[in-house]
PDB file of N, CA and C in Angstrom:
ATOM      1  N   MET A   1       3.018   4.706  10.266  1.00  0.00           N
ATOM      2  CA  MET A   1       2.467   4.350   9.403  1.00  0.00           C
ATOM      3  C   MET A   1       3.726   4.133   7.944  1.00  0.00           C
ATOM      4  N   PRO A   2       3.843   3.197   7.489  1.00  0.00           N
ATOM      5  CA  PRO A   2       4.395   2.771   6.041  1.00  0.00           C
ATOM      6  C   PRO A   2       4.264   3.962   5.115  1.00  0.00           C
ATOM      7  N   THR A   3       4.932   4.538   4.691  1.00  0.00           N
ATOM      8  CA  THR A   3       5.034   5.528   3.411  1.00  0.00           C
ATOM      9  C   THR A   3       5.460   5.116   2.075  1.00  0.00           C
ATOM     10  N   THR A   4       5.279   4.960   0.918  1.00  0.00           N
ATOM     11  CA  THR A   4       5.721   4.395  -0.482  1.00  0.00           C
ATOM     12  C   THR A   4       5.900   4.986  -1.060  1.00  0.00           C
ATOM     13  N   GLU A   5       6.887   5.054  -1.926  1.00  0.00           N
ATOM     14  CA  GLU A   5       7.465   6.017  -2.968  1.00  0.00           C
ATOM     15  C   GLU A   5       7.547   5.534  -4.336  1.00  0.00           C
ATOM     16  N   PHE A   6       7.044   5.789  -5.213  1.00  0.00           N
ATOM     17  CA  PHE A   6       7.470   5.042  -6.509  1.00  0.00           C
ATOM     18  C   PHE A   6       7.375   6.347  -7.475  1.00  0.00           C
ATOM     19  N   THR A   7       7.824   6.359  -8.578  1.00  0.00           N
ATOM     20  CA  THR A   7       7.485   6.775  -9.712  1.00  0.00           C
ATOM     21  C   THR A   7       6.704   6.530 -10.950  1.00  0.00           C
ATOM     22  N   ILE A   8       5.485   7.444 -11.413  1.00  0.00           N
ATOM     23  CA  ILE A   8       4.915   7.145 -12.333  1.00  0.00           C
ATOM     24  C   ILE A   8       5.216   7.720 -13.686  1.00  0.00           C
ATOM     25  N   ASP A   9       5.125   6.537 -14.564  1.00  0.00           N
ATOM     26  CA  ASP A   9       5.846   7.026 -15.746  1.00  0.00           C
ATOM     27  C   ASP A   9       4.395   7.592 -16.865  1.00  0.00           C
ATOM     28  N   GLY A  10       4.443   8.617 -17.625  1.00  0.00           N
ATOM     29  CA  GLY A  10       3.075   8.854 -18.589  1.00  0.00           C
ATOM     30  C   GLY A  10       2.027  10.090 -18.202  1.00  0.00           C
ATOM     31  N   LEU A  11       2.467  10.528 -16.678  1.00  0.00           N
ATOM     32  CA  LEU A  11       1.565  11.576 -16.441  1.00  0.00           C
ATOM     33  C   LEU A  11       1.777  12.708 -17.589  1.00  0.00           C
ATOM     34  N   LYS A  12       0.721  13.131 -18.012  1.00  0.00           N
ATOM     35  CA  LYS A  12       0.598  14.449 -19.030  1.00  0.00           C
ATOM     36  C   LYS A  12      -0.064  15.294 -18.837  1.00  0.00           C
ATOM     37  N   THR A  13      -1.632  15.160 -18.376  1.00  0.00           N
ATOM     38  CA  THR A  13      -2.552  15.916 -18.218  1.00  0.00           C
ATOM     39  C   THR A  13      -3.081  15.822 -16.809  1.00  0.00           C
ATOM     40  N   ASP A  14      -3.833  16.585 -16.442  1.00  0.00           N
ATOM     41  CA  ASP A  14      -4.539  16.706 -15.434  1.00  0.00           C
ATOM     42  C   ASP A  14      -5.759  15.640 -15.129  1.00  0.00           C
ATOM     43  N   ASP A  15      -5.750  15.264 -16.259  1.00  0.00           N
ATOM     44  CA  ASP A  15      -7.082  13.916 -16.275  1.00  0.00           C
ATOM     45  C   ASP A  15      -6.017  12.440 -15.585  1.00  0.00           C
ATOM     46  N   ASP A  16      -4.989  12.587 -16.452  1.00  0.00           N
ATOM     47  CA  ASP A  16      -4.051  11.603 -16.001  1.00  0.00           C
ATOM     48  C   ASP A  16      -3.645  11.678 -14.776  1.00  0.00           C
ATOM     49  N   LEU A  17      -3.412  13.216 -13.949  1.00  0.00           N
ATOM     50  CA  LEU A  17      -3.212  12.995 -12.678  1.00  0.00           C
ATOM     51  C   LEU A  17      -4.524  12.442 -11.750  1.00  0.00           C
ATOM     52  N   ARG A  18      -5.573  13.064 -12.140  1.00  0.00           N
ATOM     53  CA  ARG A  18      -7.034  12.595 -11.742  1.00  0.00           C
ATOM     54  C   ARG A  18      -7.164  11.178 -11.359  1.00  0.00           C
ATOM     55  N   THR A  19      -6.967  10.241 -12.448  1.00  0.00           N
ATOM     56  CA  THR A  19      -7.076   8.946 -12.689  1.00  0.00           C
ATOM     57  C   THR A  19      -6.249   8.373 -11.802  1.00  0.00           C
ATOM     58  N   VAL A  20      -5.081   8.698 -11.661  1.00  0.00           N
ATOM     59  CA  VAL A  20      -4.253   8.166 -10.740  1.00  0.00           C
ATOM     60  C   VAL A  20      -4.526   8.266  -9.435  1.00  0.00           C
ATOM     61  N   MET A  21      -4.601   9.372  -9.215  1.00  0.00           N
ATOM     62  CA  MET A  21      -5.300   9.620  -7.868  1.00  0.00           C
ATOM     63  C   MET A  21      -6.372   8.639  -6.934  1.00  0.00           C
ATOM     64  N   ASN A  22      -7.325   8.923  -7.995  1.00  0.00           N
ATOM     65  CA  ASN A  22      -8.409   7.814  -8.014  1.00  0.00           C
ATOM     66  C   ASN A  22      -8.298   6.722  -7.484  1.00  0.00           C
ATOM     67  N   ALA A  23      -7.447   6.471  -8.531  1.00  0.00           N
ATOM     68  CA  ALA A  23      -7.239   4.700  -8.377  1.00  0.00           C
ATOM     69  C   ALA A  23      -6.300   4.656  -7.101  1.00  0.00           C
ATOM     70  N   ILE A  24      -5.330   5.432  -6.484  1.00  0.00           N
ATOM     71  CA  ILE A  24      -4.880   5.203  -5.117  1.00  0.00           C
ATOM     72  C   ILE A  24      -5.536   5.369  -4.067  1.00  0.00           C
ATOM     73  N   GLN A  25      -6.638   6.725  -4.017  1.00  0.00           N
ATOM     74  CA  GLN A  25      -7.538   6.787  -3.266  1.00  0.00           C
ATOM     75  C   GLN A  25      -8.947   5.750  -3.093  1.00  0.00           C
ATOM     76  N   ASP A  26      -9.020   4.944  -4.344  1.00  0.00           N
ATOM     77  CA  ASP A  26     -10.028   3.800  -4.083  1.00  0.00           C
ATOM     78  C   ASP A  26      -9.614   2.637  -3.150  1.00  0.00           C
ATOM     79  N   LEU A  27      -8.194   2.490  -2.825  1.00  0.00           N
ATOM     80  CA  LEU A  27      -7.729   1.455  -1.924  1.00  0.00           C
ATOM     81  C   LEU A  27      -7.937   1.491  -0.708  1.00  0.00           C
ATOM     82  N   PRO A  28      -8.328   0.469  -0.044  1.00  0.00           N
ATOM     83  CA  PRO A  28      -8.801   0.646   1.353  1.00  0.00           C
ATOM     84  C   PRO A  28      -7.179   0.918   2.212  1.00  0.00           C
ATOM     85  N   CYS A  29      -7.334   1.404   3.299  1.00  0.00           N
ATOM     86  CA  CYS A  29      -5.926   1.544   4.060  1.00  0.00           C
ATOM     87  C   CYS A  29      -5.177   2.808   4.018  1.00  0.00           C
ATOM     88  N   ILE A  30      -5.787   3.420   2.844  1.00  0.00           N
ATOM     89  CA  ILE A  30      -4.820   4.815   1.973  1.00  0.00           C
ATOM     90  C   ILE A  30      -5.077   5.792   3.467  1.00  0.00           C
ATOM     91  N   THR A  31      -4.116   6.349   4.126  1.00  0.00           N
ATOM     92  CA  THR A  31      -4.002   7.565   4.865  1.00  0.00           C
ATOM     93  C   THR A  31      -4.234   8.855   4.097  1.00  0.00           C
ATOM     94  N   HIS A  32      -3.064   8.949   3.628  1.00  0.00           N
ATOM     95  CA  HIS A  32      -2.817  10.082   2.772  1.00  0.00           C
ATOM     96  C   HIS A  32      -1.990   9.936   1.349  1.00  0.00           C
ATOM     97  N   SER A  33      -2.109  10.772   0.318  1.00  0.00           N
ATOM     98  CA  SER A  33      -1.368  10.392  -0.493  1.00  0.00           C
ATOM     99  C   SER A  33      -0.945  11.723  -1.460  1.00  0.00           C
ATOM    100  N   GLU A  34       0.087  11.945  -2.267  1.00  0.00           N
ATOM    101  CA  GLU A  34       0.867  12.967  -3.221  1.00  0.00           C
ATOM    102  C   GLU A  34       1.467  12.433  -4.526  1.00  0.00           C
ATOM    103  N   VAL A  35       0.707  13.242  -5.502  1.00  0.00           N
ATOM    104  CA  VAL A  35       1.522  12.989  -6.705  1.00  0.00           C
ATOM    105  C   VAL A  35       2.057  14.112  -7.417  1.00  0.00           C
ATOM    106  N   ASP A  36       3.475  14.146  -7.789  1.00  0.00           N
ATOM    107  CA  ASP A  36       3.895  15.293  -7.875  1.00  0.00           C
ATOM    108  C   ASP A  36       3.459  15.186  -9.527  1.00  0.00           C
ATOM    109  N   MET A  37       2.866  16.092 -10.585  1.00  0.00           N
ATOM    110  CA  MET A  37       2.733  15.508 -11.928  1.00  0.00           C
ATOM    111  C   MET A  37       4.192  15.971 -12.630  1.00  0.00           C
ATOM    112  N   SER A  38       4.877  16.546 -12.312  1.00  0.00           N
ATOM    113  CA  SER A  38       6.105  17.265 -12.704  1.00  0.00           C
ATOM    114  C   SER A  38       6.935  16.013 -13.097  1.00  0.00           C
ATOM    115  N   THR A  39       7.130  15.549 -11.701  1.00  0.00           N
ATOM    116  CA  THR A  39       7.938  14.486 -11.941  1.00  0.00           C
ATOM    117  C   THR A  39       7.556  12.919 -12.169  1.00  0.00           C
ATOM    118  N   GLY A  40       6.425  13.003 -11.365  1.00  0.00           N
ATOM    119  CA  GLY A  40       5.807  11.643 -11.495  1.00  0.00           C
ATOM    120  C   GLY A  40       5.884  10.652 -10.547  1.00  0.00           C
ATOM    121  N   VAL A  41       6.343  11.525  -9.028  1.00  0.00           N
ATOM    122  CA  VAL A  41       7.062  10.899  -7.913  1.00  0.00           C
ATOM    123  C   VAL A  41       5.728  10.788  -7.174  1.00  0.00           C
ATOM    124  N   ALA A  42       5.200   9.444  -6.348  1.00  0.00           N
ATOM    125  CA  ALA A  42       4.217   9.255  -5.414  1.00  0.00           C
ATOM    126  C   ALA A  42       4.537   8.944  -4.202  1.00  0.00           C
ATOM    127  N   TRP A  43       3.908   9.865  -3.257  1.00  0.00           N
ATOM    128  CA  TRP A  43       4.130   9.291  -2.005  1.00  0.00           C
ATOM    129  C   TRP A  43       2.574   8.459  -1.152  1.00  0.00           C
ATOM    130  N   VAL A  44       2.814   7.513  -0.921  1.00  0.00           N
ATOM    131  CA  VAL A  44       1.492   6.980  -0.233  1.00  0.00           C
ATOM    132  C   VAL A  44       1.988   6.765   0.994  1.00  0.00           C
ATOM    133  N   GLU A  45       0.482   7.245   2.081  1.00  0.00           N
ATOM    134  CA  GLU A  45       0.869   7.143   3.424  1.00  0.00           C
ATOM    135  C   GLU A  45      -0.223   5.944   3.471  1.00  0.00           C
ATOM    136  N   HIS A  46      -0.015   4.665   4.182  1.00  0.00           N
ATOM    137  CA  HIS A  46      -1.341   3.672   4.356  1.00  0.00           C
ATOM    138  C   HIS A  46      -0.535   2.911   5.527  1.00  0.00           C
ATOM    139  N   THR A  47      -1.832   2.058   5.774  1.00  0.00           N
ATOM    140  CA  THR A  47      -1.360   0.595   6.869  1.00  0.00           C
ATOM    141  C   THR A  47      -0.884  -0.154   6.622  1.00  0.00           C
ATOM    142  N   SER A  48      -0.298  -0.694   7.365  1.00  0.00           N
ATOM    143  CA  SER A  48       0.675  -2.064   7.223  1.00  0.00           C
ATOM    144  C   SER A  48      -0.125  -3.119   6.404  1.00  0.00           C
ATOM    145  N   MET A  49      -1.561  -2.843   6.314  1.00  0.00           N
ATOM    146  CA  MET A  49      -2.518  -3.983   5.522  1.00  0.00           C
ATOM    147  C   MET A  49      -2.375  -3.804   4.137  1.00  0.00           C
ATOM    148  N   LEU A  50      -1.619  -2.787   3.629  1.00  0.00           N
ATOM    149  CA  LEU A  50      -1.736  -2.514   2.167  1.00  0.00           C
ATOM    150  C   LEU A  50       0.046  -2.880   1.716  1.00  0.00           C
ATOM    151  N   SER A  51       0.103  -3.611   0.794  1.00  0.00           N
ATOM    152  CA  SER A  51       1.516  -3.598   0.089  1.00  0.00           C
ATOM    153  C   SER A  51       1.941  -2.794  -0.876  1.00  0.00           C
ATOM    154  N   GLU A  52       3.139  -2.363  -0.980  1.00  0.00           N
ATOM    155  CA  GLU A  52       3.444  -1.675  -2.424  1.00  0.00           C
ATOM    156  C   GLU A  52       3.165  -2.077  -3.335  1.00  0.00           C
ATOM    157  N   GLY A  53       3.256  -3.121  -3.538  1.00  0.00           N
ATOM    158  CA  GLY A  53       2.492  -3.938  -4.800  1.00  0.00           C
ATOM    159  C   GLY A  53       1.100  -3.773  -4.936  1.00  0.00           C
ATOM    160  N   GLU A  54      -0.083  -3.802  -4.015  1.00  0.00           N
ATOM    161  CA  GLU A  54      -0.997  -3.455  -4.385  1.00  0.00           C
ATOM    162  C   GLU A  54      -1.219  -2.243  -4.603  1.00  0.00           C
ATOM    163  N   ILE A  55      -0.354  -0.862  -3.951  1.00  0.00           N
ATOM    164  CA  ILE A  55      -0.764   0.158  -4.655  1.00  0.00           C
ATOM    165  C   ILE A  55      -0.316   0.364  -6.027  1.00  0.00           C
ATOM    166  N   ARG A  56       1.274  -0.050  -6.560  1.00  0.00           N
ATOM    167  CA  ARG A  56       1.327  -0.063  -7.784  1.00  0.00           C
ATOM    168  C   ARG A  56       0.398  -1.080  -8.959  1.00  0.00           C
ATOM    169  N   GLY A  57       0.263  -1.740  -8.182  1.00  0.00           N
ATOM    170  CA  GLY A  57      -0.832  -2.388  -9.084  1.00  0.00           C
ATOM    171  C   GLY A  57      -2.184  -1.890  -9.541  1.00  0.00           C
ATOM    172  N   ALA A  58      -2.908  -1.255  -8.311  1.00  0.00           N
ATOM    173  CA  ALA A  58      -3.757  -0.230  -8.737  1.00  0.00           C
ATOM    174  C   ALA A  58      -3.696   0.812 -10.046  1.00  0.00           C
ATOM    175  N   VAL A  59      -2.156   1.669  -9.731  1.00  0.00           N
ATOM    176  CA  VAL A  59      -1.849   2.578 -10.625  1.00  0.00           C
ATOM    177  C   VAL A  59      -1.813   2.069 -12.129  1.00  0.00           C
ATOM    178  N   GLU A  60      -1.235   0.776 -12.332  1.00  0.00           N
ATOM    179  CA  GLU A  60      -1.114   0.128 -13.337  1.00  0.00           C
ATOM    180  C   GLU A  60      -2.305  -0.004 -13.919  1.00  0.00           C
ATOM    181  N   GLU A  61      -3.275  -0.823 -13.331  1.00  0.00           N
ATOM    182  CA  GLU A  61      -4.716  -0.950 -13.796  1.00  0.00           C
ATOM    183  C   GLU A  61      -5.272   0.049 -14.460  1.00  0.00           C
ATOM    184  N   ALA A  62      -5.020   1.110 -13.912  1.00  0.00           N
ATOM    185  CA  ALA A  62      -5.315   2.922 -13.964  1.00  0.00           C
ATOM    186  C   ALA A  62      -4.621   3.113 -15.822  1.00  0.00           C
ATOM    187  N   GLY A  63      -3.767   2.302 -16.194  1.00  0.00           N
ATOM    188  CA  GLY A  63      -3.073   2.480 -17.634  1.00  0.00           C
ATOM    189  C   GLY A  63      -1.475   3.447 -17.473  1.00  0.00           C
ATOM    190  N   PHE A  64      -0.987   3.603 -16.365  1.00  0.00           N
ATOM    191  CA  PHE A  64      -0.035   3.862 -16.082  1.00  0.00           C
ATOM    192  C   PHE A  64       1.171   2.870 -15.448  1.00  0.00           C
ATOM    193  N   THR A  65       2.590   2.890 -16.122  1.00  0.00           N
ATOM    194  CA  THR A  65       3.656   1.956 -15.557  1.00  0.00           C
ATOM    195  C   THR A  65       4.499   2.818 -14.218  1.00  0.00           C
ATOM    196  N   THR A  66       5.063   1.913 -13.376  1.00  0.00           N
ATOM    197  CA  THR A  66       5.373   2.470 -12.305  1.00  0.00           C
ATOM    198  C   THR A  66       7.018   1.952 -12.537  1.00  0.00           C
ATOM    199  N   ARG A  67       7.993   2.749 -11.385  1.00  0.00           N
ATOM    200  CA  ARG A  67       9.009   2.182 -11.103  1.00  0.00           C
ATOM    201  C   ARG A  67       9.823   2.305 -10.098  1.00  0.00           C
TER     202      ARG A  67
END
């Protein structure tokens, strides 16, 4: 399964982390995800039916920037 890794800017509180995790988990085809709040690094394991752009888009729609 593909794993996508990227950095999320602007994570400051547990609520921010919860918002991001909910945005990722609401996507179809996610098998596992982790976000390190101290670094902003996200690891998302998903099926090939979901692209990195779709994952980043969900995080950005939740109000955060990715790089």
